[in-house]
Amino acid sequence: MATIQKLNNQMERLVRKHRQLDIEIKNQCQSGHYDDLELGEMKKRKLQMREEIVFIDKQICDVLRKQNA
């Protein structure tokens, strides 16, 4: 069970960071004063976080499936 809790904690942390980065991206776009390169890097990091969240979610599902088998 500790494994699921650890994975949930990791996912929650990533979700919070992902949401914060989304807010930062929107704020920069709305301000009109942004660096295209920096904005591109932020979007890339946001996508990487999303991929990590999906990966962790799959790990949680695998652990639960094994526990219920």
Protein backbone atom coordinates (compact mmCIF):
# COMPACT_ATOMS: atom_id res chain seq x y z
CA MET A 1 0.00 0.00 0.00
CA ALA A 2 2.93 2.32 0.64
CA THR A 3 3.79 2.12 -3.05
CA ILE A 4 0.37 3.44 -4.06
CA GLN A 5 0.60 6.24 -1.50
CA LYS A 6 4.06 7.19 -2.76
CA LEU A 7 2.84 7.20 -6.37
CA ASN A 8 -0.24 9.24 -5.41
CA ASN A 9 1.98 11.79 -3.64
CA GLN A 10 4.24 12.07 -6.69
CA MET A 11 1.24 12.50 -8.97
CA GLU A 12 -0.37 15.14 -6.75
CA ARG A 13 2.90 17.09 -6.65
CA LEU A 14 3.19 16.96 -10.44
CA VAL A 15 -0.44 17.98 -10.92
CA ARG A 16 0.09 21.03 -8.69
CA LYS A 17 3.25 22.00 -10.62
CA HIS A 18 1.44 21.42 -13.93
CA ARG A 19 -1.44 23.70 -12.90
CA GLN A 20 0.95 26.39 -11.67
CA LEU A 21 2.91 26.27 -14.92
CA ASP A 22 -0.35 26.53 -16.87
CA ILE A 23 -1.24 29.68 -14.92
CA GLU A 24 2.21 31.15 -15.58
CA ILE A 25 1.90 30.43 -19.31
CA LYS A 26 -1.56 32.03 -19.48
CA ASN A 27 -0.38 35.09 -17.54
CA GLN A 28 2.58 35.60 -19.87
CA CYS A 29 0.41 35.22 -22.96
CA GLN A 30 -2.19 37.66 -21.63
CA SER A 31 0.43 40.23 -20.68
CA GLY A 32 1.74 40.36 -24.23
CA HIS A 33 5.28 40.67 -22.87
CA TYR A 34 6.89 37.30 -23.24
CA ASP A 35 9.88 35.65 -24.82
CA ASP A 36 8.86 33.09 -27.45
CA LEU A 37 11.77 30.84 -26.53
CA GLU A 38 10.95 30.94 -22.80
CA LEU A 39 7.27 30.34 -23.50
CA GLY A 40 8.16 27.37 -25.70
CA GLU A 41 10.32 25.92 -22.93
CA MET A 42 7.51 26.35 -20.41
CA LYS A 43 5.07 24.57 -22.72
CA LYS A 44 7.59 21.77 -23.24
CA ARG A 45 8.00 21.34 -19.46
CA LYS A 46 4.22 21.33 -19.07
CA LEU A 47 3.91 18.55 -21.65
CA GLN A 48 6.68 16.54 -19.96
CA MET A 49 4.85 16.86 -16.64
CA ARG A 50 1.63 15.66 -18.26
CA GLU A 51 3.47 12.62 -19.64
CA GLU A 52 4.88 11.87 -16.18
CA ILE A 53 1.40 12.16 -14.66
CA VAL A 54 0.01 9.67 -17.19
CA PHE A 55 2.93 7.31 -16.56
CA ILE A 56 2.41 7.40 -12.78
CA ASP A 57 -1.33 6.88 -13.23
CA LYS A 58 -0.62 3.75 -15.27
CA GLN A 59 1.75 2.53 -12.55
CA ILE A 60 -0.96 2.99 -9.93
CA CYS A 61 -3.41 1.03 -12.09
CA ASP A 62 -0.88 -1.78 -12.51
CA VAL A 63 -0.26 -2.01 -8.76
CA LEU A 64 -4.00 -2.07 -8.03
CA ARG A 65 -4.59 -4.71 -10.72
CA LYS A 66 -1.88 -6.92 -9.20
CA GLN A 67 -3.31 -6.47 -5.70
CA ASN A 68 -6.78 -7.49 -6.89
CA ALA A 69 -5.57 -10.48 -8.92
